[in-house]
Amino acid sequence: PDKRETENKTIRFPVPLINEIEAALEG
């Protein structure tokens, strides 16, 4: 976990990669 000052950037991810990342982040 991490909190710090940020700036918004928009990037596009392939849907399968999003699904893999979200699964890895569970819990």
PDB file of all heavy atoms in Angstrom:
ATOM      1  N   PRO A   1       0.841  -1.201   0.000  1.00  0.00           N
ATOM      2  CA  PRO A   1       0.000   0.000   0.000  1.00  0.00           C
ATOM      3  C   PRO A   1       0.876   1.251   0.000  1.00  0.00           C
ATOM      4  O   PRO A   1       1.974   1.241   0.545  1.00  0.00           O
ATOM      5  CB  PRO A   1      -0.800  -0.100   1.298  1.00  0.00           C
ATOM      6  CG  PRO A   1      -0.122  -1.127   2.122  1.00  0.00           C
ATOM      7  CD  PRO A   1       0.735  -1.959   1.222  1.00  0.00           C
ATOM      8  N   ASP A   2       0.379   2.326  -0.637  1.00  0.00           N
ATOM      9  CA  ASP A   2       1.178   3.538  -0.714  1.00  0.00           C
ATOM     10  C   ASP A   2       0.288   4.745  -0.956  1.00  0.00           C
ATOM     11  O   ASP A   2      -0.666   4.672  -1.713  1.00  0.00           O
ATOM     12  CB  ASP A   2       2.193   3.417  -1.852  1.00  0.00           C
ATOM     13  CG  ASP A   2       3.241   4.511  -1.829  1.00  0.00           C
ATOM     14  OD1 ASP A   2       3.661   4.904  -0.732  1.00  0.00           O
ATOM     15  OD2 ASP A   2       3.625   4.970  -2.900  1.00  0.00           O
ATOM     16  N   LYS A   3       0.597   5.846  -0.328  1.00  0.00           N
ATOM     17  CA  LYS A   3      -0.110   7.118  -0.534  1.00  0.00           C
ATOM     18  C   LYS A   3       0.933   8.194  -0.782  1.00  0.00           C
ATOM     19  O   LYS A   3       1.909   8.305  -0.051  1.00  0.00           O
ATOM     20  CB  LYS A   3      -0.926   7.494   0.705  1.00  0.00           C
ATOM     21  CG  LYS A   3      -1.990   6.508   1.079  1.00  0.00           C
ATOM     22  CD  LYS A   3      -3.199   6.718   0.229  1.00  0.00           C
ATOM     23  CE  LYS A   3      -4.296   5.765   0.682  1.00  0.00           C
ATOM     24  NZ  LYS A   3      -5.428   5.751  -0.137  1.00  0.00           N
ATOM     25  N   ARG A   4       0.739   9.002  -1.828  1.00  0.00           N
ATOM     26  CA  ARG A   4       1.635  10.123  -2.104  1.00  0.00           C
ATOM     27  C   ARG A   4       0.958  11.105  -3.050  1.00  0.00           C
ATOM     28  O   ARG A   4      -0.082  10.810  -3.613  1.00  0.00           O
ATOM     29  CB  ARG A   4       2.961   9.631  -2.680  1.00  0.00           C
ATOM     30  CG  ARG A   4       2.815   8.877  -3.996  1.00  0.00           C
ATOM     31  CD  ARG A   4       4.138   8.437  -4.530  1.00  0.00           C
ATOM     32  NE  ARG A   4       4.308   7.037  -4.197  1.00  0.00           N
ATOM     33  CZ  ARG A   4       5.319   6.326  -4.560  1.00  0.00           C
ATOM     34  NH1 ARG A   4       6.271   6.847  -5.272  1.00  0.00           N
ATOM     35  NH2 ARG A   4       5.417   5.064  -4.242  1.00  0.00           N
ATOM     36  N   GLU A   5       1.562  12.264  -3.237  1.00  0.00           N
ATOM     37  CA  GLU A   5       1.018  13.272  -4.153  1.00  0.00           C
ATOM     38  C   GLU A   5       1.016  12.698  -5.562  1.00  0.00           C
ATOM     39  O   GLU A   5       1.978  12.070  -5.987  1.00  0.00           O
ATOM     40  CB  GLU A   5       1.887  14.523  -4.095  1.00  0.00           C
ATOM     41  CG  GLU A   5       1.360  15.641  -4.946  1.00  0.00           C
ATOM     42  CD  GLU A   5       2.230  16.882  -4.865  1.00  0.00           C
ATOM     43  OE1 GLU A   5       3.147  16.940  -4.040  1.00  0.00           O
ATOM     44  OE2 GLU A   5       1.969  17.787  -5.671  1.00  0.00           O
ATOM     45  N   THR A   6      -0.051  12.938  -6.299  1.00  0.00           N
ATOM     46  CA  THR A   6      -0.170  12.356  -7.638  1.00  0.00           C
ATOM     47  C   THR A   6      -0.688  13.371  -8.652  1.00  0.00           C
ATOM     48  O   THR A   6      -1.180  14.438  -8.300  1.00  0.00           O
ATOM     49  CB  THR A   6      -1.135  11.150  -7.634  1.00  0.00           C
ATOM     50  OG1 THR A   6      -2.429  11.591  -7.234  1.00  0.00           O
ATOM     51  CG2 THR A   6      -0.651  10.052  -6.706  1.00  0.00           C
ATOM     52  N   GLU A   7      -0.594  12.995  -9.907  1.00  0.00           N
ATOM     53  CA  GLU A   7      -1.153  13.753 -11.027  1.00  0.00           C
ATOM     54  C   GLU A   7      -1.851  12.748 -11.930  1.00  0.00           C
ATOM     55  O   GLU A   7      -1.374  11.626 -12.107  1.00  0.00           O
ATOM     56  CB  GLU A   7      -0.021  14.432 -11.796  1.00  0.00           C
ATOM     57  CG  GLU A   7      -0.495  15.236 -12.980  1.00  0.00           C
ATOM     58  CD  GLU A   7       0.654  15.921 -13.698  1.00  0.00           C
ATOM     59  OE1 GLU A   7       1.602  16.358 -13.027  1.00  0.00           O
ATOM     60  OE2 GLU A   7       0.592  16.006 -14.934  1.00  0.00           O
ATOM     61  N   ASN A   8      -2.979  13.122 -12.508  1.00  0.00           N
ATOM     62  CA  ASN A   8      -3.726  12.217 -13.373  1.00  0.00           C
ATOM     63  C   ASN A   8      -3.067  12.078 -14.740  1.00  0.00           C
ATOM     64  O   ASN A   8      -2.646  13.067 -15.348  1.00  0.00           O
ATOM     65  CB  ASN A   8      -5.161  12.711 -13.572  1.00  0.00           C
ATOM     66  CG  ASN A   8      -6.007  12.512 -12.349  1.00  0.00           C
ATOM     67  OD1 ASN A   8      -5.763  11.629 -11.550  1.00  0.00           O
ATOM     68  ND2 ASN A   8      -7.018  13.351 -12.195  1.00  0.00           N
ATOM     69  N   LYS A   9      -2.983  10.843 -15.209  1.00  0.00           N
ATOM     70  CA  LYS A   9      -2.565  10.508 -16.569  1.00  0.00           C
ATOM     71  C   LYS A   9      -3.540   9.441 -17.062  1.00  0.00           C
ATOM     72  O   LYS A   9      -3.960   8.580 -16.293  1.00  0.00           O
ATOM     73  CB  LYS A   9      -1.150   9.923 -16.605  1.00  0.00           C
ATOM     74  CG  LYS A   9      -0.072  10.899 -16.212  1.00  0.00           C
ATOM     75  CD  LYS A   9       0.136  11.926 -17.288  1.00  0.00           C
ATOM     76  CE  LYS A   9       1.242  12.885 -16.912  1.00  0.00           C
ATOM     77  NZ  LYS A   9       1.391  13.951 -17.863  1.00  0.00           N
ATOM     78  N   THR A  10      -3.894   9.481 -18.315  1.00  0.00           N
ATOM     79  CA  THR A  10      -4.807   8.488 -18.864  1.00  0.00           C
ATOM     80  C   THR A  10      -4.037   7.540 -19.769  1.00  0.00           C
ATOM     81  O   THR A  10      -3.337   7.981 -20.682  1.00  0.00           O
ATOM     82  CB  THR A  10      -5.931   9.176 -19.671  1.00  0.00           C
ATOM     83  OG1 THR A  10      -6.614  10.075 -18.804  1.00  0.00           O
ATOM     84  CG2 THR A  10      -6.892   8.166 -20.233  1.00  0.00           C
ATOM     85  N   ILE A  11      -4.148   6.250 -19.479  1.00  0.00           N
ATOM     86  CA  ILE A  11      -3.523   5.236 -20.326  1.00  0.00           C
ATOM     87  C   ILE A  11      -4.541   4.131 -20.591  1.00  0.00           C
ATOM     88  O   ILE A  11      -5.504   3.973 -19.842  1.00  0.00           O
ATOM     89  CB  ILE A  11      -2.245   4.645 -19.693  1.00  0.00           C
ATOM     90  CG1 ILE A  11      -2.548   4.010 -18.349  1.00  0.00           C
ATOM     91  CG2 ILE A  11      -1.175   5.706 -19.549  1.00  0.00           C
ATOM     92  CD1 ILE A  11      -1.374   3.283 -17.748  1.00  0.00           C
ATOM     93  N   ARG A  12      -4.339   3.393 -21.655  1.00  0.00           N
ATOM     94  CA  ARG A  12      -5.249   2.304 -22.004  1.00  0.00           C
ATOM     95  C   ARG A  12      -4.559   0.971 -21.745  1.00  0.00           C
ATOM     96  O   ARG A  12      -3.402   0.792 -22.105  1.00  0.00           O
ATOM     97  CB  ARG A  12      -5.660   2.398 -23.464  1.00  0.00           C
ATOM     98  CG  ARG A  12      -6.440   3.652 -23.759  1.00  0.00           C
ATOM     99  CD  ARG A  12      -6.834   3.704 -25.234  1.00  0.00           C
ATOM    100  NE  ARG A  12      -7.440   4.968 -25.561  1.00  0.00           N
ATOM    101  CZ  ARG A  12      -8.728   5.240 -25.411  1.00  0.00           C
ATOM    102  NH1 ARG A  12      -9.544   4.323 -24.940  1.00  0.00           N
ATOM    103  NH2 ARG A  12      -9.207   6.414 -25.736  1.00  0.00           N
ATOM    104  N   PHE A  13      -5.293   0.055 -21.117  1.00  0.00           N
ATOM    105  CA  PHE A  13      -4.797  -1.286 -20.830  1.00  0.00           C
ATOM    106  C   PHE A  13      -5.627  -2.305 -21.593  1.00  0.00           C
ATOM    107  O   PHE A  13      -6.849  -2.145 -21.699  1.00  0.00           O
ATOM    108  CB  PHE A  13      -4.942  -1.608 -19.339  1.00  0.00           C
ATOM    109  CG  PHE A  13      -3.957  -0.919 -18.462  1.00  0.00           C
ATOM    110  CD1 PHE A  13      -4.192   0.358 -17.998  1.00  0.00           C
ATOM    111  CD2 PHE A  13      -2.796  -1.565 -18.071  1.00  0.00           C
ATOM    112  CE1 PHE A  13      -3.285   0.996 -17.167  1.00  0.00           C
ATOM    113  CE2 PHE A  13      -1.884  -0.942 -17.242  1.00  0.00           C
ATOM    114  CZ  PHE A  13      -2.124   0.343 -16.791  1.00  0.00           C
ATOM    115  N   PRO A  14      -5.017  -3.369 -22.063  1.00  0.00           N
ATOM    116  CA  PRO A  14      -5.814  -4.459 -22.632  1.00  0.00           C
ATOM    117  C   PRO A  14      -6.690  -5.061 -21.521  1.00  0.00           C
ATOM    118  O   PRO A  14      -6.233  -5.212 -20.376  1.00  0.00           O
ATOM    119  CB  PRO A  14      -4.768  -5.471 -23.105  1.00  0.00           C
ATOM    120  CG  PRO A  14      -3.480  -4.707 -23.169  1.00  0.00           C
ATOM    121  CD  PRO A  14      -3.585  -3.611 -22.163  1.00  0.00           C
ATOM    122  N   VAL A  15      -7.933  -5.389 -21.849  1.00  0.00           N
ATOM    123  CA  VAL A  15      -8.873  -5.912 -20.856  1.00  0.00           C
ATOM    124  C   VAL A  15      -8.324  -7.149 -20.140  1.00  0.00           C
ATOM    125  O   VAL A  15      -8.436  -7.241 -18.910  1.00  0.00           O
ATOM    126  CB  VAL A  15     -10.258  -6.177 -21.497  1.00  0.00           C
ATOM    127  CG1 VAL A  15     -11.186  -6.893 -20.532  1.00  0.00           C
ATOM    128  CG2 VAL A  15     -10.876  -4.863 -21.959  1.00  0.00           C
ATOM    129  N   PRO A  16      -7.707  -8.103 -20.845  1.00  0.00           N
ATOM    130  CA  PRO A  16      -7.178  -9.268 -20.113  1.00  0.00           C
ATOM    131  C   PRO A  16      -6.120  -8.888 -19.065  1.00  0.00           C
ATOM    132  O   PRO A  16      -6.066  -9.488 -17.989  1.00  0.00           O
ATOM    133  CB  PRO A  16      -6.566 -10.145 -21.213  1.00  0.00           C
ATOM    134  CG  PRO A  16      -7.293  -9.756 -22.457  1.00  0.00           C
ATOM    135  CD  PRO A  16      -7.567  -8.287 -22.299  1.00  0.00           C
ATOM    136  N   LEU A  17      -5.317  -7.870 -19.352  1.00  0.00           N
ATOM    137  CA  LEU A  17      -4.314  -7.423 -18.394  1.00  0.00           C
ATOM    138  C   LEU A  17      -4.986  -6.784 -17.182  1.00  0.00           C
ATOM    139  O   LEU A  17      -4.581  -7.019 -16.037  1.00  0.00           O
ATOM    140  CB  LEU A  17      -3.343  -6.440 -19.046  1.00  0.00           C
ATOM    141  CG  LEU A  17      -2.234  -5.893 -18.149  1.00  0.00           C
ATOM    142  CD1 LEU A  17      -1.384  -7.023 -17.563  1.00  0.00           C
ATOM    143  CD2 LEU A  17      -1.360  -4.923 -18.936  1.00  0.00           C
ATOM    144  N   ILE A  18      -6.021  -5.993 -17.405  1.00  0.00           N
ATOM    145  CA  ILE A  18      -6.775  -5.401 -16.304  1.00  0.00           C
ATOM    146  C   ILE A  18      -7.319  -6.507 -15.401  1.00  0.00           C
ATOM    147  O   ILE A  18      -7.213  -6.436 -14.171  1.00  0.00           O
ATOM    148  CB  ILE A  18      -7.930  -4.521 -16.825  1.00  0.00           C
ATOM    149  CG1 ILE A  18      -7.373  -3.267 -17.489  1.00  0.00           C
ATOM    150  CG2 ILE A  18      -8.904  -4.157 -15.700  1.00  0.00           C
ATOM    151  CD1 ILE A  18      -8.415  -2.439 -18.217  1.00  0.00           C
ATOM    152  N   ASN A  19      -7.883  -7.535 -16.009  1.00  0.00           N
ATOM    153  CA  ASN A  19      -8.443  -8.637 -15.232  1.00  0.00           C
ATOM    154  C   ASN A  19      -7.372  -9.344 -14.402  1.00  0.00           C
ATOM    155  O   ASN A  19      -7.601  -9.683 -13.240  1.00  0.00           O
ATOM    156  CB  ASN A  19      -9.149  -9.641 -16.152  1.00  0.00           C
ATOM    157  CG  ASN A  19     -10.372  -9.034 -16.813  1.00  0.00           C
ATOM    158  OD1 ASN A  19     -10.961  -8.076 -16.314  1.00  0.00           O
ATOM    159  ND2 ASN A  19     -10.756  -9.586 -17.950  1.00  0.00           N
ATOM    160  N   GLU A  20      -6.195  -9.548 -14.977  1.00  0.00           N
ATOM    161  CA  GLU A  20      -5.097 -10.188 -14.241  1.00  0.00           C
ATOM    162  C   GLU A  20      -4.633  -9.330 -13.072  1.00  0.00           C
ATOM    163  O   GLU A  20      -4.387  -9.832 -11.977  1.00  0.00           O
ATOM    164  CB  GLU A  20      -3.910 -10.451 -15.166  1.00  0.00           C
ATOM    165  CG  GLU A  20      -4.086 -11.621 -16.092  1.00  0.00           C
ATOM    166  CD  GLU A  20      -2.803 -11.912 -16.845  1.00  0.00           C
ATOM    167  OE1 GLU A  20      -1.796 -12.290 -16.215  1.00  0.00           O
ATOM    168  OE2 GLU A  20      -2.825 -11.736 -18.079  1.00  0.00           O
ATOM    169  N   ILE A  21      -4.503  -8.039 -13.312  1.00  0.00           N
ATOM    170  CA  ILE A  21      -4.062  -7.123 -12.256  1.00  0.00           C
ATOM    171  C   ILE A  21      -5.085  -7.087 -11.131  1.00  0.00           C
ATOM    172  O   ILE A  21      -4.734  -7.203  -9.951  1.00  0.00           O
ATOM    173  CB  ILE A  21      -3.809  -5.709 -12.814  1.00  0.00           C
ATOM    174  CG1 ILE A  21      -2.605  -5.728 -13.760  1.00  0.00           C
ATOM    175  CG2 ILE A  21      -3.596  -4.700 -11.683  1.00  0.00           C
ATOM    176  CD1 ILE A  21      -2.430  -4.450 -14.571  1.00  0.00           C
ATOM    177  N   GLU A  22      -6.355  -6.945 -11.475  1.00  0.00           N
ATOM    178  CA  GLU A  22      -7.397  -6.892 -10.449  1.00  0.00           C
ATOM    179  C   GLU A  22      -7.445  -8.179  -9.630  1.00  0.00           C
ATOM    180  O   GLU A  22      -7.633  -8.139  -8.412  1.00  0.00           O
ATOM    181  CB  GLU A  22      -8.747  -6.572 -11.082  1.00  0.00           C
ATOM    182  CG  GLU A  22      -8.815  -5.123 -11.550  1.00  0.00           C
ATOM    183  CD  GLU A  22     -10.089  -4.766 -12.273  1.00  0.00           C
ATOM    184  OE1 GLU A  22     -10.816  -5.683 -12.745  1.00  0.00           O
ATOM    185  OE2 GLU A  22     -10.368  -3.557 -12.390  1.00  0.00           O
ATOM    186  N   ALA A  23      -7.237  -9.321 -10.275  1.00  0.00           N
ATOM    187  CA  ALA A  23      -7.203 -10.587  -9.546  1.00  0.00           C
ATOM    188  C   ALA A  23      -6.015 -10.632  -8.583  1.00  0.00           C
ATOM    189  O   ALA A  23      -6.133 -11.094  -7.448  1.00  0.00           O
ATOM    190  CB  ALA A  23      -7.144 -11.763 -10.530  1.00  0.00           C
ATOM    191  N   ALA A  24      -4.854 -10.122  -9.018  1.00  0.00           N
ATOM    192  CA  ALA A  24      -3.658 -10.103  -8.172  1.00  0.00           C
ATOM    193  C   ALA A  24      -3.823  -9.163  -6.990  1.00  0.00           C
ATOM    194  O   ALA A  24      -3.223  -9.382  -5.929  1.00  0.00           O
ATOM    195  CB  ALA A  24      -2.439  -9.701  -9.000  1.00  0.00           C
ATOM    196  N   LEU A  25      -4.651  -8.134  -7.130  1.00  0.00           N
ATOM    197  CA  LEU A  25      -4.821  -7.131  -6.085  1.00  0.00           C
ATOM    198  C   LEU A  25      -5.847  -7.520  -5.025  1.00  0.00           C
ATOM    199  O   LEU A  25      -5.902  -6.884  -3.976  1.00  0.00           O
ATOM    200  CB  LEU A  25      -5.227  -5.790  -6.704  1.00  0.00           C
ATOM    201  CG  LEU A  25      -4.163  -5.115  -7.562  1.00  0.00           C
ATOM    202  CD1 LEU A  25      -4.722  -3.858  -8.197  1.00  0.00           C
ATOM    203  CD2 LEU A  25      -2.925  -4.811  -6.749  1.00  0.00           C
ATOM    204  N   GLU A  26      -6.631  -8.560  -5.280  1.00  0.00           N
ATOM    205  CA  GLU A  26      -7.665  -8.958  -4.317  1.00  0.00           C
ATOM    206  C   GLU A  26      -7.046  -9.192  -2.948  1.00  0.00           C
ATOM    207  O   GLU A  26      -6.073  -9.922  -2.804  1.00  0.00           O
ATOM    208  CB  GLU A  26      -8.388 -10.214  -4.797  1.00  0.00           C
ATOM    209  CG  GLU A  26      -9.350  -9.943  -5.920  1.00  0.00           C
ATOM    210  CD  GLU A  26     -10.111 -11.180  -6.358  1.00  0.00           C
ATOM    211  OE1 GLU A  26     -10.244 -12.130  -5.566  1.00  0.00           O
ATOM    212  OE2 GLU A  26     -10.556 -11.198  -7.521  1.00  0.00           O
ATOM    213  N   GLY A  27      -7.605  -8.523  -1.945  1.00  0.00           N
ATOM    214  CA  GLY A  27      -7.166  -8.694  -0.576  1.00  0.00           C
ATOM    215  C   GLY A  27      -5.879  -7.975  -0.206  1.00  0.00           C
ATOM    216  O   GLY A  27      -5.364  -8.160   0.888  1.00  0.00           O
TER     217      GLY A  27
END
